[in-house]
Amino acid sequence: MVRRASVLIAAVVALGWSAAWLRTSADPRPAADLPARLTDQEFWQLSQASSEPGGYFRAADITNLTSNELWYQHVIPDLAARTKPGGVYLGVGPEQNYTYMTALRPSLAVIFDVRRGNLNLQLMYKALFELAKDRADFVSLLFAKPRPAGLGPTSSAAEIFNAFAGSETSDVHYARTRAAIRAHLTGTRGLPLPDGDLAAIDAVYRAFYLGGFYVRSSPSYWELMTATDAAGTSRSYLATEAGFAWLKDLHARNLVVPVVGDFAGPKAIRTIGAWLKSRGATVTAFYLSNVEQYLLQDGRWNAFCANVAALPLDPSSTFIRSTSGGGRGFVNSLGAMTAETRTCGD
């Protein structure tokens, strides 16, 4: 039988944390006991103690700063119907994770990537979410553009991006926001970021400043945020003020954790599985992008599959995957995590 591959990279375990927190727990707690927030120190420990040395993914590098999946919202109605709110969301890559998270309302999210560049991208986003007061303010900060007049809580994503299209990029705004990102991460949050990470975060933000809505030429950020599901409903993380406010709060409580790691490695998935089981938590969904095809090509899917099988799953736990749709670009589909990994555990 040919199994479909998937991806995962996970996080968890801070140096010096209790052995009870790490126990593999054959009898997980009956109710989830996830933290309502992580302290700044816990957030950084969780991220770094779970991370592996940065690696190379041949399908992307640090220039892969935005999604190339224009149809990713089409699976959201089915995804929301299959899954339960309040679980744990796992994902890989850039901002499309935020849209899936906004739809699913998890209690904790971990964003994995073999590239350390993606961790730096996620840290930039963390700062901007926490600095922005609303969606229009967030777009202003992200693209270093002064905020146009007339935007408010009821503005649609299309109205926001249409308004900003006429707002010129500002060198002063860029310099001020760049400094604010650094000050927020290292000062307000007190993260002991190495000089290399700070330089990489600067480089990521400069790419958004220079590229604007077309930091990726196609699809543009404008297109990604104003896309809809198959029924025409706008579901991006910038579609509504309520969705954005929920995501901003999750970041403010340090519950969106970026981790560097090898999807089929021996550490990351096993570690997070142990921690989640000890907390009685369940993985709600796992966004894989198209990494499955590379795991299969490299003969590493069985290791990945066994890692996923070690996670706390239930029949509703769902893979979100991307495959090439020919002339339509990438299209997304869903899969049952428990059924697909049933025969590949230890």
C-alpha atoms as a PDB file:
ATOM      1  CA  MET A   1       0.000   0.000   0.000  1.00  0.00           C
ATOM      2  CA  VAL A   2       1.314   3.419  -0.878  1.00  0.00           C
ATOM      3  CA  ARG A   3       0.939   5.709   2.066  1.00  0.00           C
ATOM      4  CA  ARG A   4       0.531   9.414   1.612  1.00  0.00           C
ATOM      5  CA  ALA A   5       3.289  11.318   3.256  1.00  0.00           C
ATOM      6  CA  SER A   6       3.022  14.366   5.404  1.00  0.00           C
ATOM      7  CA  VAL A   7       5.026  16.733   7.438  1.00  0.00           C
ATOM      8  CA  LEU A   8       5.527  17.628  10.890  1.00  0.00           C
ATOM      9  CA  ILE A   9       7.949  19.304  13.006  1.00  0.00           C
ATOM     10  CA  ALA A  10       7.229  20.013  16.501  1.00  0.00           C
ATOM     11  CA  ALA A  11       8.341  21.619  19.550  1.00  0.00           C
ATOM     12  CA  VAL A  12       8.526  21.411  23.169  1.00  0.00           C
ATOM     13  CA  VAL A  13      10.787  20.935  26.117  1.00  0.00           C
ATOM     14  CA  ALA A  14      12.670  23.618  27.824  1.00  0.00           C
ATOM     15  CA  LEU A  15      15.984  22.916  29.472  1.00  0.00           C
ATOM     16  CA  GLY A  16      15.469  22.301  33.141  1.00  0.00           C
ATOM     17  CA  TRP A  17      11.724  21.785  32.940  1.00  0.00           C
ATOM     18  CA  SER A  18      10.323  19.092  35.204  1.00  0.00           C
ATOM     19  CA  ALA A  19      10.487  15.429  34.344  1.00  0.00           C
ATOM     20  CA  ALA A  20       6.755  15.203  34.975  1.00  0.00           C
ATOM     21  CA  TRP A  21       6.181  17.742  32.213  1.00  0.00           C
ATOM     22  CA  LEU A  22       8.094  15.500  29.834  1.00  0.00           C
ATOM     23  CA  ARG A  23       6.688  12.118  30.804  1.00  0.00           C
ATOM     24  CA  THR A  24       5.428  10.024  27.916  1.00  0.00           C
ATOM     25  CA  SER A  25       2.201   9.315  29.797  1.00  0.00           C
ATOM     26  CA  ALA A  26       0.555   6.071  28.813  1.00  0.00           C
ATOM     27  CA  ASP A  27      -2.572   7.396  30.536  1.00  0.00           C
ATOM     28  CA  PRO A  28      -2.963  11.039  29.497  1.00  0.00           C
ATOM     29  CA  ARG A  29      -5.135  13.296  31.599  1.00  0.00           C
ATOM     30  CA  PRO A  30      -8.835  13.124  30.738  1.00  0.00           C
ATOM     31  CA  ALA A  31      -9.108  16.876  30.101  1.00  0.00           C
ATOM     32  CA  ALA A  32      -6.616  19.121  28.339  1.00  0.00           C
ATOM     33  CA  ASP A  33      -4.384  21.066  30.694  1.00  0.00           C
ATOM     34  CA  LEU A  34      -2.647  23.396  28.256  1.00  0.00           C
ATOM     35  CA  PRO A  35      -1.287  26.636  29.684  1.00  0.00           C
ATOM     36  CA  ALA A  36      -3.430  29.747  29.260  1.00  0.00           C
ATOM     37  CA  ARG A  37      -0.211  31.598  28.461  1.00  0.00           C
ATOM     38  CA  LEU A  38       3.534  31.080  28.407  1.00  0.00           C
ATOM     39  CA  THR A  39       5.905  33.502  30.065  1.00  0.00           C
ATOM     40  CA  ASP A  40       8.458  35.105  27.796  1.00  0.00           C
ATOM     41  CA  GLN A  41      11.147  32.828  29.214  1.00  0.00           C
ATOM     42  CA  GLU A  42       8.979  29.722  28.733  1.00  0.00           C
ATOM     43  CA  PHE A  43       8.163  30.754  25.175  1.00  0.00           C
ATOM     44  CA  TRP A  44      11.839  31.095  24.245  1.00  0.00           C
ATOM     45  CA  GLN A  45      12.864  27.933  26.066  1.00  0.00           C
ATOM     46  CA  LEU A  46      10.080  25.996  24.398  1.00  0.00           C
ATOM     47  CA  SER A  47      11.152  27.231  20.985  1.00  0.00           C
ATOM     48  CA  GLN A  48      14.888  26.838  21.360  1.00  0.00           C
ATOM     49  CA  ALA A  49      15.060  23.633  23.413  1.00  0.00           C
ATOM     50  CA  SER A  50      12.830  21.964  20.815  1.00  0.00           C
ATOM     51  CA  SER A  51      14.742  23.299  17.829  1.00  0.00           C
ATOM     52  CA  GLU A  52      17.421  21.557  15.826  1.00  0.00           C
ATOM     53  CA  PRO A  53      20.198  23.219  13.804  1.00  0.00           C
ATOM     54  CA  GLY A  54      18.774  24.998  10.782  1.00  0.00           C
ATOM     55  CA  GLY A  55      18.684  22.922   7.639  1.00  0.00           C
ATOM     56  CA  TYR A  56      18.006  23.258   3.934  1.00  0.00           C
ATOM     57  CA  PHE A  57      14.743  22.550   2.150  1.00  0.00           C
ATOM     58  CA  ARG A  58      15.306  22.372  -1.571  1.00  0.00           C
ATOM     59  CA  ALA A  59      11.835  23.684  -2.429  1.00  0.00           C
ATOM     60  CA  ALA A  60      12.386  26.963  -0.607  1.00  0.00           C
ATOM     61  CA  ASP A  61      14.798  29.263   1.125  1.00  0.00           C
ATOM     62  CA  ILE A  62      14.540  32.482   3.101  1.00  0.00           C
ATOM     63  CA  THR A  63      12.932  34.137   0.065  1.00  0.00           C
ATOM     64  CA  ASN A  64       9.881  31.926   0.590  1.00  0.00           C
ATOM     65  CA  LEU A  65       8.232  34.548   2.773  1.00  0.00           C
ATOM     66  CA  THR A  66       4.611  34.077   1.734  1.00  0.00           C
ATOM     67  CA  SER A  67       2.347  31.280   0.614  1.00  0.00           C
ATOM     68  CA  ASN A  68       2.005  30.284  -3.037  1.00  0.00           C
ATOM     69  CA  GLU A  69      -1.329  28.518  -2.400  1.00  0.00           C
ATOM     70  CA  LEU A  70      -4.149  30.726  -3.624  1.00  0.00           C
ATOM     71  CA  TRP A  71      -6.875  28.092  -3.113  1.00  0.00           C
ATOM     72  CA  TYR A  72      -6.007  27.215   0.484  1.00  0.00           C
ATOM     73  CA  GLN A  73      -9.269  28.558   1.929  1.00  0.00           C
ATOM     74  CA  HIS A  74     -11.429  26.141  -0.059  1.00  0.00           C
ATOM     75  CA  VAL A  75     -10.999  23.340   2.499  1.00  0.00           C
ATOM     76  CA  ILE A  76     -11.866  25.475   5.533  1.00  0.00           C
ATOM     77  CA  PRO A  77     -15.627  24.735   5.730  1.00  0.00           C
ATOM     78  CA  ASP A  78     -14.960  20.981   5.656  1.00  0.00           C
ATOM     79  CA  LEU A  79     -11.978  21.374   7.994  1.00  0.00           C
ATOM     80  CA  ALA A  80     -14.037  23.274  10.575  1.00  0.00           C
ATOM     81  CA  ALA A  81     -16.782  20.655  10.380  1.00  0.00           C
ATOM     82  CA  ARG A  82     -14.323  17.794  10.979  1.00  0.00           C
ATOM     83  CA  THR A  83     -12.375  19.238  13.886  1.00  0.00           C
ATOM     84  CA  LYS A  84     -12.879  20.593  17.395  1.00  0.00           C
ATOM     85  CA  PRO A  85     -11.869  24.012  18.745  1.00  0.00           C
ATOM     86  CA  GLY A  86      -9.456  24.271  21.654  1.00  0.00           C
ATOM     87  CA  GLY A  87      -6.941  21.644  20.549  1.00  0.00           C
ATOM     88  CA  VAL A  88      -3.408  21.995  19.219  1.00  0.00           C
ATOM     89  CA  TYR A  89      -2.619  23.229  15.726  1.00  0.00           C
ATOM     90  CA  LEU A  90       0.612  22.195  14.000  1.00  0.00           C
ATOM     91  CA  GLY A  91       1.828  23.759  10.789  1.00  0.00           C
ATOM     92  CA  VAL A  92       4.756  24.561   8.547  1.00  0.00           C
ATOM     93  CA  GLY A  93       5.778  27.622   6.583  1.00  0.00           C
ATOM     94  CA  PRO A  94       4.578  31.235   6.542  1.00  0.00           C
ATOM     95  CA  GLU A  95       1.305  33.138   6.969  1.00  0.00           C
ATOM     96  CA  GLN A  96      -1.287  30.652   5.661  1.00  0.00           C
ATOM     97  CA  ASN A  97      -1.084  29.034   9.094  1.00  0.00           C
ATOM     98  CA  TYR A  98      -2.744  32.121  10.590  1.00  0.00           C
ATOM     99  CA  THR A  99      -5.807  31.720   8.397  1.00  0.00           C
ATOM    100  CA  TYR A 100      -6.219  28.068   9.363  1.00  0.00           C
ATOM    101  CA  MET A 101      -5.667  28.943  13.028  1.00  0.00           C
ATOM    102  CA  THR A 102      -8.271  31.700  12.893  1.00  0.00           C
ATOM    103  CA  ALA A 103     -10.786  29.216  11.497  1.00  0.00           C
ATOM    104  CA  LEU A 104     -10.004  26.457  14.026  1.00  0.00           C
ATOM    105  CA  ARG A 105      -9.397  28.468  17.232  1.00  0.00           C
ATOM    106  CA  PRO A 106      -6.728  26.204  18.804  1.00  0.00           C
ATOM    107  CA  SER A 107      -5.441  26.702  22.338  1.00  0.00           C
ATOM    108  CA  LEU A 108      -1.820  26.372  21.173  1.00  0.00           C
ATOM    109  CA  ALA A 109      -0.071  26.490  17.808  1.00  0.00           C
ATOM    110  CA  VAL A 110       3.411  25.343  16.834  1.00  0.00           C
ATOM    111  CA  ILE A 111       4.857  26.450  13.490  1.00  0.00           C
ATOM    112  CA  PHE A 112       7.684  24.222  12.291  1.00  0.00           C
ATOM    113  CA  ASP A 113      10.228  24.536   9.549  1.00  0.00           C
ATOM    114  CA  VAL A 114      13.613  23.018   8.822  1.00  0.00           C
ATOM    115  CA  ARG A 115      14.815  26.519   7.867  1.00  0.00           C
ATOM    116  CA  ARG A 116      15.730  28.904  10.677  1.00  0.00           C
ATOM    117  CA  GLY A 117      14.675  31.679   8.320  1.00  0.00           C
ATOM    118  CA  ASN A 118      11.051  30.717   8.926  1.00  0.00           C
ATOM    119  CA  LEU A 119      11.522  31.066  12.686  1.00  0.00           C
ATOM    120  CA  ASN A 120      12.795  34.596  12.100  1.00  0.00           C
ATOM    121  CA  LEU A 121       9.828  35.339   9.849  1.00  0.00           C
ATOM    122  CA  GLN A 122       7.471  34.138  12.571  1.00  0.00           C
ATOM    123  CA  LEU A 123       9.222  36.296  15.176  1.00  0.00           C
ATOM    124  CA  MET A 124       8.794  39.341  12.947  1.00  0.00           C
ATOM    125  CA  TYR A 125       5.088  38.543  12.688  1.00  0.00           C
ATOM    126  CA  LYS A 126       4.834  38.050  16.443  1.00  0.00           C
ATOM    127  CA  ALA A 127       6.167  41.540  17.077  1.00  0.00           C
ATOM    128  CA  LEU A 128       3.886  43.122  14.481  1.00  0.00           C
ATOM    129  CA  PHE A 129       0.774  41.357  15.787  1.00  0.00           C
ATOM    130  CA  GLU A 130       1.537  42.573  19.277  1.00  0.00           C
ATOM    131  CA  LEU A 131       2.388  46.125  18.187  1.00  0.00           C
ATOM    132  CA  ALA A 132      -0.633  46.639  15.923  1.00  0.00           C
ATOM    133  CA  LYS A 133      -3.924  47.840  17.377  1.00  0.00           C
ATOM    134  CA  ASP A 134      -6.053  46.545  14.491  1.00  0.00           C
ATOM    135  CA  ARG A 135      -5.874  45.115  10.955  1.00  0.00           C
ATOM    136  CA  ALA A 136      -5.196  48.409   9.220  1.00  0.00           C
ATOM    137  CA  ASP A 137      -2.436  49.205  11.690  1.00  0.00           C
ATOM    138  CA  PHE A 138      -0.943  45.744  11.079  1.00  0.00           C
ATOM    139  CA  VAL A 139      -0.870  46.221   7.293  1.00  0.00           C
ATOM    140  CA  SER A 140       0.666  49.656   7.814  1.00  0.00           C
ATOM    141  CA  LEU A 141       3.456  48.172   9.921  1.00  0.00           C
ATOM    142  CA  LEU A 142       4.044  45.103   7.742  1.00  0.00           C
ATOM    143  CA  PHE A 143       4.521  47.078   4.536  1.00  0.00           C
ATOM    144  CA  ALA A 144       5.912  50.331   5.983  1.00  0.00           C
ATOM    145  CA  LYS A 145       3.057  52.401   4.584  1.00  0.00           C
ATOM    146  CA  PRO A 146       1.236  55.245   6.367  1.00  0.00           C
ATOM    147  CA  ARG A 147      -2.311  54.319   7.308  1.00  0.00           C
ATOM    148  CA  PRO A 148      -4.947  55.803   4.995  1.00  0.00           C
ATOM    149  CA  ALA A 149      -7.947  57.561   6.485  1.00  0.00           C
ATOM    150  CA  GLY A 150     -11.347  55.914   6.635  1.00  0.00           C
ATOM    151  CA  LEU A 151     -10.429  52.350   7.606  1.00  0.00           C
ATOM    152  CA  GLY A 152     -12.162  50.808  10.592  1.00  0.00           C
ATOM    153  CA  PRO A 153     -13.486  47.633  12.226  1.00  0.00           C
ATOM    154  CA  THR A 154     -16.016  46.908   9.491  1.00  0.00           C
ATOM    155  CA  SER A 155     -13.629  47.406   6.554  1.00  0.00           C
ATOM    156  CA  SER A 156     -13.196  44.293   4.425  1.00  0.00           C
ATOM    157  CA  ALA A 157      -9.780  42.930   3.539  1.00  0.00           C
ATOM    158  CA  ALA A 158     -10.329  44.143  -0.023  1.00  0.00           C
ATOM    159  CA  GLU A 159     -11.141  47.657   1.206  1.00  0.00           C
ATOM    160  CA  ILE A 160      -8.028  47.691   3.396  1.00  0.00           C
ATOM    161  CA  PHE A 161      -5.692  46.604   0.595  1.00  0.00           C
ATOM    162  CA  ASN A 162      -7.346  48.888  -1.955  1.00  0.00           C
ATOM    163  CA  ALA A 163      -6.798  51.814   0.396  1.00  0.00           C
ATOM    164  CA  PHE A 164      -3.162  50.942   1.065  1.00  0.00           C
ATOM    165  CA  ALA A 165      -2.487  50.588  -2.664  1.00  0.00           C
ATOM    166  CA  GLY A 166      -2.578  54.367  -2.812  1.00  0.00           C
ATOM    167  CA  SER A 167      -0.311  54.813   0.219  1.00  0.00           C
ATOM    168  CA  GLU A 168       3.352  55.272  -0.644  1.00  0.00           C
ATOM    169  CA  THR A 169       5.994  53.233   1.148  1.00  0.00           C
ATOM    170  CA  SER A 170       7.740  55.394   3.731  1.00  0.00           C
ATOM    171  CA  ASP A 171      11.444  55.216   4.551  1.00  0.00           C
ATOM    172  CA  VAL A 172      10.727  56.884   7.888  1.00  0.00           C
ATOM    173  CA  HIS A 173       7.951  54.419   8.643  1.00  0.00           C
ATOM    174  CA  TYR A 174      10.269  51.532   7.727  1.00  0.00           C
ATOM    175  CA  ALA A 175      13.090  52.695  10.010  1.00  0.00           C
ATOM    176  CA  ARG A 176      10.712  53.334  12.895  1.00  0.00           C
ATOM    177  CA  THR A 177       8.994  49.946  12.570  1.00  0.00           C
ATOM    178  CA  ARG A 178      12.270  48.066  12.161  1.00  0.00           C
ATOM    179  CA  ALA A 179      13.479  49.585  15.435  1.00  0.00           C
ATOM    180  CA  ALA A 180      10.133  48.822  17.111  1.00  0.00           C
ATOM    181  CA  ILE A 181      10.344  45.138  16.110  1.00  0.00           C
ATOM    182  CA  ARG A 182      13.802  44.822  17.644  1.00  0.00           C
ATOM    183  CA  ALA A 183      12.798  46.709  20.788  1.00  0.00           C
ATOM    184  CA  HIS A 184       9.680  44.628  21.259  1.00  0.00           C
ATOM    185  CA  LEU A 185      11.366  41.246  20.850  1.00  0.00           C
ATOM    186  CA  THR A 186      14.527  41.986  22.852  1.00  0.00           C
ATOM    187  CA  GLY A 187      13.212  44.614  25.275  1.00  0.00           C
ATOM    188  CA  THR A 188       9.500  44.132  25.927  1.00  0.00           C
ATOM    189  CA  ARG A 189       9.663  40.356  25.524  1.00  0.00           C
ATOM    190  CA  GLY A 190      13.254  40.007  26.670  1.00  0.00           C
ATOM    191  CA  LEU A 191      14.135  37.325  24.128  1.00  0.00           C
ATOM    192  CA  PRO A 192      17.918  36.733  24.053  1.00  0.00           C
ATOM    193  CA  LEU A 193      18.088  36.750  20.270  1.00  0.00           C
ATOM    194  CA  PRO A 194      21.545  36.104  18.801  1.00  0.00           C
ATOM    195  CA  ASP A 195      22.942  38.710  16.441  1.00  0.00           C
ATOM    196  CA  GLY A 196      22.374  36.344  13.521  1.00  0.00           C
ATOM    197  CA  ASP A 197      18.667  36.105  14.249  1.00  0.00           C
ATOM    198  CA  LEU A 198      18.343  39.870  14.661  1.00  0.00           C
ATOM    199  CA  ALA A 199      20.053  40.413  11.311  1.00  0.00           C
ATOM    200  CA  ALA A 200      17.810  37.810   9.680  1.00  0.00           C
ATOM    201  CA  ILE A 201      14.666  39.437  11.109  1.00  0.00           C
ATOM    202  CA  ASP A 202      15.876  42.768   9.726  1.00  0.00           C
ATOM    203  CA  ALA A 203      16.378  41.119   6.320  1.00  0.00           C
ATOM    204  CA  VAL A 204      12.880  39.618   6.355  1.00  0.00           C
ATOM    205  CA  TYR A 205      11.286  42.951   7.221  1.00  0.00           C
ATOM    206  CA  ARG A 206      13.330  44.728   4.556  1.00  0.00           C
ATOM    207  CA  ALA A 207      12.017  42.239   1.984  1.00  0.00           C
ATOM    208  CA  PHE A 208       8.441  43.240   2.851  1.00  0.00           C
ATOM    209  CA  TYR A 209       9.412  46.907   2.758  1.00  0.00           C
ATOM    210  CA  LEU A 210      11.006  46.592  -0.690  1.00  0.00           C
ATOM    211  CA  GLY A 211       8.579  44.099  -2.203  1.00  0.00           C
ATOM    212  CA  GLY A 212       5.359  45.430  -0.755  1.00  0.00           C
ATOM    213  CA  PHE A 213       2.265  43.446  -1.650  1.00  0.00           C
ATOM    214  CA  TYR A 214       4.433  41.667  -4.248  1.00  0.00           C
ATOM    215  CA  VAL A 215       7.080  40.290  -1.904  1.00  0.00           C
ATOM    216  CA  ARG A 216       6.098  37.179  -3.865  1.00  0.00           C
ATOM    217  CA  SER A 217       5.124  38.145  -7.386  1.00  0.00           C
ATOM    218  CA  SER A 218       2.255  35.670  -7.638  1.00  0.00           C
ATOM    219  CA  PRO A 219       0.073  35.267  -5.758  1.00  0.00           C
ATOM    220  CA  SER A 220       0.539  38.667  -4.167  1.00  0.00           C
ATOM    221  CA  TYR A 221      -0.176  39.308  -0.501  1.00  0.00           C
ATOM    222  CA  TRP A 222      -3.188  41.312  -1.638  1.00  0.00           C
ATOM    223  CA  GLU A 223      -4.512  38.278  -3.537  1.00  0.00           C
ATOM    224  CA  LEU A 224      -3.872  35.909  -0.636  1.00  0.00           C
ATOM    225  CA  MET A 225      -5.687  38.085   1.878  1.00  0.00           C
ATOM    226  CA  THR A 226      -8.681  38.829  -0.348  1.00  0.00           C
ATOM    227  CA  ALA A 227      -9.107  35.265  -1.628  1.00  0.00           C
ATOM    228  CA  THR A 228     -12.238  33.349  -0.621  1.00  0.00           C
ATOM    229  CA  ASP A 229     -13.452  29.815  -0.170  1.00  0.00           C
ATOM    230  CA  ALA A 230     -15.403  28.071  -2.940  1.00  0.00           C
ATOM    231  CA  ALA A 231     -18.641  29.724  -1.788  1.00  0.00           C
ATOM    232  CA  GLY A 232     -17.152  33.212  -1.967  1.00  0.00           C
ATOM    233  CA  THR A 233     -16.691  33.702   1.792  1.00  0.00           C
ATOM    234  CA  SER A 234     -13.545  35.591   2.771  1.00  0.00           C
ATOM    235  CA  ARG A 235     -11.713  33.632   5.493  1.00  0.00           C
ATOM    236  CA  SER A 236      -8.169  35.048   5.587  1.00  0.00           C
ATOM    237  CA  TYR A 237      -6.754  36.113   8.931  1.00  0.00           C
ATOM    238  CA  LEU A 238      -7.274  39.729   7.816  1.00  0.00           C
ATOM    239  CA  ALA A 239     -10.891  39.195   6.717  1.00  0.00           C
ATOM    240  CA  THR A 240     -12.492  40.374   9.963  1.00  0.00           C
ATOM    241  CA  GLU A 241     -11.485  42.440  12.956  1.00  0.00           C
ATOM    242  CA  ALA A 242     -12.715  39.702  15.318  1.00  0.00           C
ATOM    243  CA  GLY A 243     -10.500  37.060  13.701  1.00  0.00           C
ATOM    244  CA  PHE A 244      -7.473  39.327  13.780  1.00  0.00           C
ATOM    245  CA  ALA A 245      -8.106  40.269  17.438  1.00  0.00           C
ATOM    246  CA  TRP A 246      -8.293  36.582  18.393  1.00  0.00           C
ATOM    247  CA  LEU A 247      -4.988  35.853  16.657  1.00  0.00           C
ATOM    248  CA  LYS A 248      -3.343  38.926  18.176  1.00  0.00           C
ATOM    249  CA  ASP A 249      -4.375  37.703  21.629  1.00  0.00           C
ATOM    250  CA  LEU A 250      -2.944  34.218  20.982  1.00  0.00           C
ATOM    251  CA  HIS A 251       0.394  35.824  20.071  1.00  0.00           C
ATOM    252  CA  ALA A 252       0.220  38.114  23.118  1.00  0.00           C
ATOM    253  CA  ARG A 253      -0.099  35.032  25.335  1.00  0.00           C
ATOM    254  CA  ASN A 254       2.988  33.514  23.658  1.00  0.00           C
ATOM    255  CA  LEU A 255       0.973  30.565  22.343  1.00  0.00           C
ATOM    256  CA  VAL A 256       2.196  30.663  18.736  1.00  0.00           C
ATOM    257  CA  VAL A 257       5.598  28.989  19.012  1.00  0.00           C
ATOM    258  CA  PRO A 258       8.081  28.779  16.114  1.00  0.00           C
ATOM    259  CA  VAL A 259      10.449  25.809  16.051  1.00  0.00           C
ATOM    260  CA  VAL A 260      13.304  24.760  13.768  1.00  0.00           C
ATOM    261  CA  GLY A 261      13.511  21.056  13.084  1.00  0.00           C
ATOM    262  CA  ASP A 262      13.746  18.112  10.723  1.00  0.00           C
ATOM    263  CA  PHE A 263      10.299  16.789   9.838  1.00  0.00           C
ATOM    264  CA  ALA A 264      11.469  13.161   9.949  1.00  0.00           C
ATOM    265  CA  GLY A 265      14.019  13.576  12.731  1.00  0.00           C
ATOM    266  CA  PRO A 266      14.176  11.710  16.046  1.00  0.00           C
ATOM    267  CA  LYS A 267      13.558  14.622  18.417  1.00  0.00           C
ATOM    268  CA  ALA A 268      10.949  17.253  17.671  1.00  0.00           C
ATOM    269  CA  ILE A 269       7.765  15.290  17.033  1.00  0.00           C
ATOM    270  CA  ARG A 270       8.494  12.762  19.759  1.00  0.00           C
ATOM    271  CA  THR A 271       9.079  15.533  22.267  1.00  0.00           C
ATOM    272  CA  ILE A 272       5.916  17.408  21.541  1.00  0.00           C
ATOM    273  CA  GLY A 273       3.913  14.212  21.535  1.00  0.00           C
ATOM    274  CA  ALA A 274       5.152  13.393  25.035  1.00  0.00           C
ATOM    275  CA  TRP A 275       4.320  16.872  26.326  1.00  0.00           C
ATOM    276  CA  LEU A 276       0.875  16.984  24.777  1.00  0.00           C
ATOM    277  CA  LYS A 277       0.014  13.554  26.159  1.00  0.00           C
ATOM    278  CA  SER A 278       1.116  14.651  29.620  1.00  0.00           C
ATOM    279  CA  ARG A 279      -1.302  17.564  29.309  1.00  0.00           C
ATOM    280  CA  GLY A 280      -4.219  15.511  27.982  1.00  0.00           C
ATOM    281  CA  ALA A 281      -4.169  17.580  24.801  1.00  0.00           C
ATOM    282  CA  THR A 282      -5.050  16.487  21.270  1.00  0.00           C
ATOM    283  CA  VAL A 283      -3.701  17.583  17.905  1.00  0.00           C
ATOM    284  CA  THR A 284      -6.596  19.147  16.018  1.00  0.00           C
ATOM    285  CA  ALA A 285      -4.980  19.729  12.649  1.00  0.00           C
ATOM    286  CA  PHE A 286      -1.609  19.570  10.991  1.00  0.00           C
ATOM    287  CA  TYR A 287      -0.922  21.719   7.930  1.00  0.00           C
ATOM    288  CA  LEU A 288       1.682  19.970   5.782  1.00  0.00           C
ATOM    289  CA  SER A 289       2.017  22.153   2.677  1.00  0.00           C
ATOM    290  CA  ASN A 290       3.576  19.926  -0.020  1.00  0.00           C
ATOM    291  CA  VAL A 291       6.484  18.571   2.013  1.00  0.00           C
ATOM    292  CA  GLU A 292       5.065  15.062   1.709  1.00  0.00           C
ATOM    293  CA  GLN A 293       6.425  14.655  -1.794  1.00  0.00           C
ATOM    294  CA  TYR A 294       9.982  15.376  -0.639  1.00  0.00           C
ATOM    295  CA  LEU A 295       9.763  12.969   2.280  1.00  0.00           C
ATOM    296  CA  LEU A 296       8.665  10.251  -0.130  1.00  0.00           C
ATOM    297  CA  GLN A 297      11.371  11.087  -2.652  1.00  0.00           C
ATOM    298  CA  ASP A 298      14.030  10.940   0.059  1.00  0.00           C
ATOM    299  CA  GLY A 299      12.742   7.683   1.542  1.00  0.00           C
ATOM    300  CA  ARG A 300      11.988   9.342   4.881  1.00  0.00           C
ATOM    301  CA  TRP A 301       8.231   9.137   5.044  1.00  0.00           C
ATOM    302  CA  ASN A 302       8.115   6.074   7.297  1.00  0.00           C
ATOM    303  CA  ALA A 303      10.127   7.895   9.968  1.00  0.00           C
ATOM    304  CA  PHE A 304       7.816  10.874   9.708  1.00  0.00           C
ATOM    305  CA  CYS A 305       4.733   8.669   9.830  1.00  0.00           C
ATOM    306  CA  ALA A 306       5.942   6.912  12.983  1.00  0.00           C
ATOM    307  CA  ASN A 307       6.584  10.301  14.579  1.00  0.00           C
ATOM    308  CA  VAL A 308       3.068  11.491  13.794  1.00  0.00           C
ATOM    309  CA  ALA A 309       1.637   8.227  15.139  1.00  0.00           C
ATOM    310  CA  ALA A 310       3.289   9.082  18.471  1.00  0.00           C
ATOM    311  CA  LEU A 311       1.234  12.279  18.764  1.00  0.00           C
ATOM    312  CA  PRO A 312      -2.025  12.339  20.732  1.00  0.00           C
ATOM    313  CA  LEU A 313      -4.666  12.041  18.016  1.00  0.00           C
ATOM    314  CA  ASP A 314      -8.353  11.274  17.847  1.00  0.00           C
ATOM    315  CA  PRO A 315     -10.600  10.363  14.911  1.00  0.00           C
ATOM    316  CA  SER A 316     -11.172  14.058  14.130  1.00  0.00           C
ATOM    317  CA  SER A 317      -7.458  14.975  13.862  1.00  0.00           C
ATOM    318  CA  THR A 318      -6.940  16.206  10.307  1.00  0.00           C
ATOM    319  CA  PHE A 319      -4.051  16.632   7.887  1.00  0.00           C
ATOM    320  CA  ILE A 320      -4.191  19.677   5.588  1.00  0.00           C
ATOM    321  CA  ARG A 321      -2.063  19.070   2.519  1.00  0.00           C
ATOM    322  CA  SER A 322      -1.173  20.787  -0.730  1.00  0.00           C
ATOM    323  CA  THR A 323      -0.607  19.210  -4.115  1.00  0.00           C
ATOM    324  CA  SER A 324       0.048  20.624  -7.544  1.00  0.00           C
ATOM    325  CA  GLY A 325      -3.193  21.250  -9.371  1.00  0.00           C
ATOM    326  CA  GLY A 326      -1.727  21.742 -12.806  1.00  0.00           C
ATOM    327  CA  GLY A 327      -2.887  25.027 -14.282  1.00  0.00           C
ATOM    328  CA  ARG A 328      -4.604  25.981 -11.018  1.00  0.00           C
ATOM    329  CA  GLY A 329      -1.384  25.949  -9.004  1.00  0.00           C
ATOM    330  CA  PHE A 330      -1.534  24.254  -5.624  1.00  0.00           C
ATOM    331  CA  VAL A 331      -4.809  22.849  -4.344  1.00  0.00           C
ATOM    332  CA  ASN A 332      -5.506  21.678  -0.813  1.00  0.00           C
ATOM    333  CA  SER A 333      -7.122  18.555   0.561  1.00  0.00           C
ATOM    334  CA  LEU A 334      -7.791  16.936   3.935  1.00  0.00           C
ATOM    335  CA  GLY A 335      -6.860  13.563   5.418  1.00  0.00           C
ATOM    336  CA  ALA A 336      -7.589  11.625   8.593  1.00  0.00           C
ATOM    337  CA  MET A 337      -4.397  11.578  10.667  1.00  0.00           C
ATOM    338  CA  THR A 338      -5.305   8.529  12.748  1.00  0.00           C
ATOM    339  CA  ALA A 339      -6.281   6.374   9.780  1.00  0.00           C
ATOM    340  CA  GLU A 340      -3.271   7.377   7.681  1.00  0.00           C
ATOM    341  CA  THR A 341      -0.715   6.640  10.422  1.00  0.00           C
ATOM    342  CA  ARG A 342      -2.367   3.606  12.021  1.00  0.00           C
ATOM    343  CA  THR A 343       0.107   1.063  10.631  1.00  0.00           C
ATOM    344  CA  CYS A 344       3.358   2.998  10.952  1.00  0.00           C
ATOM    345  CA  GLY A 345       3.755   3.419  14.699  1.00  0.00           C
ATOM    346  CA  ASP A 346       6.389   1.739  16.833  1.00  0.00           C
END
